[in-house]
């Protein structure tokens, strides 16, 4: 009747450590496939993306779904406050907590014009 209560805990620990090593080695074999699979489509998608799609991917979390602002300022009427060139410079260089280069260089002109028209 006096069984050692540590045996179940020891078995679970050994099983967990073995499973961790097994999954780690499985992941080592898949890392190249995962890295190559994600990078190519994203680059291709950005080249064909509209300004609205770029906004949905990169900007909506800070500027809001309806451009009302949040962590970033409201974009409603930004074209009245800033010129298209100033908007383009902000998109390129970033400002405040906004990181630089969220919009690819080939889409800067199109995106700045689109942002300036948000009402």
Protein backbone atom coordinates (compact mmCIF):
# COMPACT_ATOMS: atom_id res chain seq x y z
CA UNK A 1 0.00 0.00 0.00
CA UNK A 2 2.95 2.33 0.40
CA UNK A 3 3.70 3.30 -3.19
CA UNK A 4 6.14 6.03 -4.13
CA UNK A 5 4.15 9.10 -5.27
CA UNK A 6 7.12 10.48 -7.25
CA UNK A 7 7.02 7.77 -9.92
CA UNK A 8 4.05 9.25 -11.90
CA UNK A 9 5.67 12.69 -11.85
CA UNK A 10 8.99 11.24 -13.02
CA UNK A 11 7.29 9.37 -15.89
CA UNK A 12 5.47 12.53 -17.02
CA UNK A 13 8.70 14.55 -16.89
CA UNK A 14 10.63 11.97 -18.94
CA UNK A 15 7.79 11.75 -21.47
CA UNK A 16 7.62 15.56 -21.75
CA UNK A 17 11.36 15.99 -22.22
CA UNK A 18 11.44 13.24 -24.85
CA UNK A 19 8.52 14.81 -26.71
CA UNK A 20 10.23 18.21 -26.60
CA UNK A 21 13.40 16.80 -28.22
CA UNK A 22 11.39 14.93 -30.84
CA UNK A 23 9.45 18.04 -31.87
CA UNK A 24 12.61 20.15 -31.86
CA UNK A 25 14.32 17.85 -34.33
CA UNK A 26 11.19 17.79 -36.48
CA UNK A 27 11.21 21.60 -36.56
CA UNK A 28 14.87 21.72 -37.54
CA UNK A 29 14.08 19.80 -40.69
CA UNK A 30 11.19 22.13 -41.64
CA UNK A 31 12.79 25.53 -41.00
CA UNK A 32 14.01 26.09 -44.59
CA UNK A 33 10.66 25.14 -46.09
CA UNK A 34 8.82 27.48 -43.72
CA UNK A 35 11.20 30.38 -44.34
CA UNK A 36 11.10 30.04 -48.13
CA UNK A 37 7.36 29.48 -48.28
CA UNK A 38 6.37 32.72 -46.54
CA UNK A 39 8.77 35.26 -48.04
CA UNK A 40 8.06 34.91 -51.76
CA UNK A 41 4.25 35.35 -51.82
CA UNK A 42 4.41 38.39 -49.53
CA UNK A 43 6.81 40.20 -51.88
CA UNK A 44 4.68 39.35 -54.90
CA UNK A 45 1.48 40.45 -53.15
CA UNK A 46 2.87 43.88 -52.22
CA UNK A 47 3.85 44.64 -55.82
CA UNK A 48 0.21 44.15 -56.92
CA UNK A 49 -1.47 45.50 -53.78
CA UNK A 50 -3.72 48.52 -53.84
CA UNK A 51 -3.25 51.29 -51.27
CA UNK A 52 -6.32 50.00 -49.40
CA UNK A 53 -4.77 46.52 -49.19
CA UNK A 54 -1.46 47.95 -47.96
CA UNK A 55 -3.42 49.94 -45.35
CA UNK A 56 -5.21 46.76 -44.23
CA UNK A 57 -1.90 44.89 -43.87
CA UNK A 58 0.29 47.55 -42.26
CA UNK A 59 -1.64 50.54 -40.94
CA UNK A 60 -5.05 49.51 -39.61
CA UNK A 61 -3.78 48.44 -36.20
CA UNK A 62 -2.64 51.97 -35.30
CA UNK A 63 -4.83 54.22 -37.46
CA UNK A 64 -8.08 52.27 -37.07
CA UNK A 65 -10.57 50.58 -39.34
CA UNK A 66 -12.31 53.85 -40.19
CA UNK A 67 -9.09 55.94 -40.16
CA UNK A 68 -10.18 57.38 -36.78
CA UNK A 69 -6.84 56.85 -35.07
CA UNK A 70 -5.84 54.87 -32.02
CA UNK A 71 -2.18 54.40 -31.23
CA UNK A 72 -1.55 56.55 -34.31
CA UNK A 73 -3.29 59.80 -35.25
CA UNK A 74 -6.55 60.04 -37.18
CA UNK A 75 -6.10 60.08 -40.95
CA UNK A 76 -9.44 61.77 -41.62
CA UNK A 77 -8.70 65.02 -43.43
CA UNK A 78 -4.93 64.52 -43.38
CA UNK A 79 -4.80 65.82 -46.97
CA UNK A 80 -6.06 69.19 -45.68
CA UNK A 81 -3.25 69.40 -43.12
CA UNK A 82 -0.33 67.95 -45.10
CA UNK A 83 0.75 68.01 -48.72
CA UNK A 84 1.13 64.81 -50.73
CA UNK A 85 4.93 65.21 -50.52
CA UNK A 86 4.80 65.52 -46.72
CA UNK A 87 2.60 62.42 -46.51
CA UNK A 88 5.02 60.56 -48.79
CA UNK A 89 7.97 61.60 -46.60
CA UNK A 90 6.14 60.39 -43.47
CA UNK A 91 5.37 57.05 -45.13
CA UNK A 92 9.02 56.68 -46.15
CA UNK A 93 10.77 57.90 -42.99
CA UNK A 94 8.17 57.17 -40.30
CA UNK A 95 7.25 59.62 -37.57
CA UNK A 96 6.90 59.27 -33.81
CA UNK A 97 6.09 55.63 -33.09
CA UNK A 98 5.39 54.91 -36.78
CA UNK A 99 8.21 52.79 -38.23
CA UNK A 100 9.84 53.67 -41.54
CA UNK A 101 9.40 51.76 -44.80
CA UNK A 102 5.97 50.24 -44.14
CA UNK A 103 5.11 51.04 -47.75
CA UNK A 104 7.39 49.78 -50.56
CA UNK A 105 9.18 52.52 -52.53
CA UNK A 106 7.36 51.70 -55.77
CA UNK A 107 4.00 52.26 -54.05
CA UNK A 108 4.85 55.48 -52.14
CA UNK A 109 3.37 57.90 -54.68
CA UNK A 110 0.15 55.94 -55.05
CA UNK A 111 -0.23 55.46 -51.28
CA UNK A 112 0.48 59.13 -50.47
CA UNK A 113 -2.13 60.25 -52.99
CA UNK A 114 -4.67 57.79 -51.56
CA UNK A 115 -4.01 58.87 -47.95
CA UNK A 116 -4.36 62.55 -48.91
CA UNK A 117 -7.90 61.85 -50.18
CA UNK A 118 -9.21 60.21 -46.97
CA UNK A 119 -12.21 62.22 -45.77
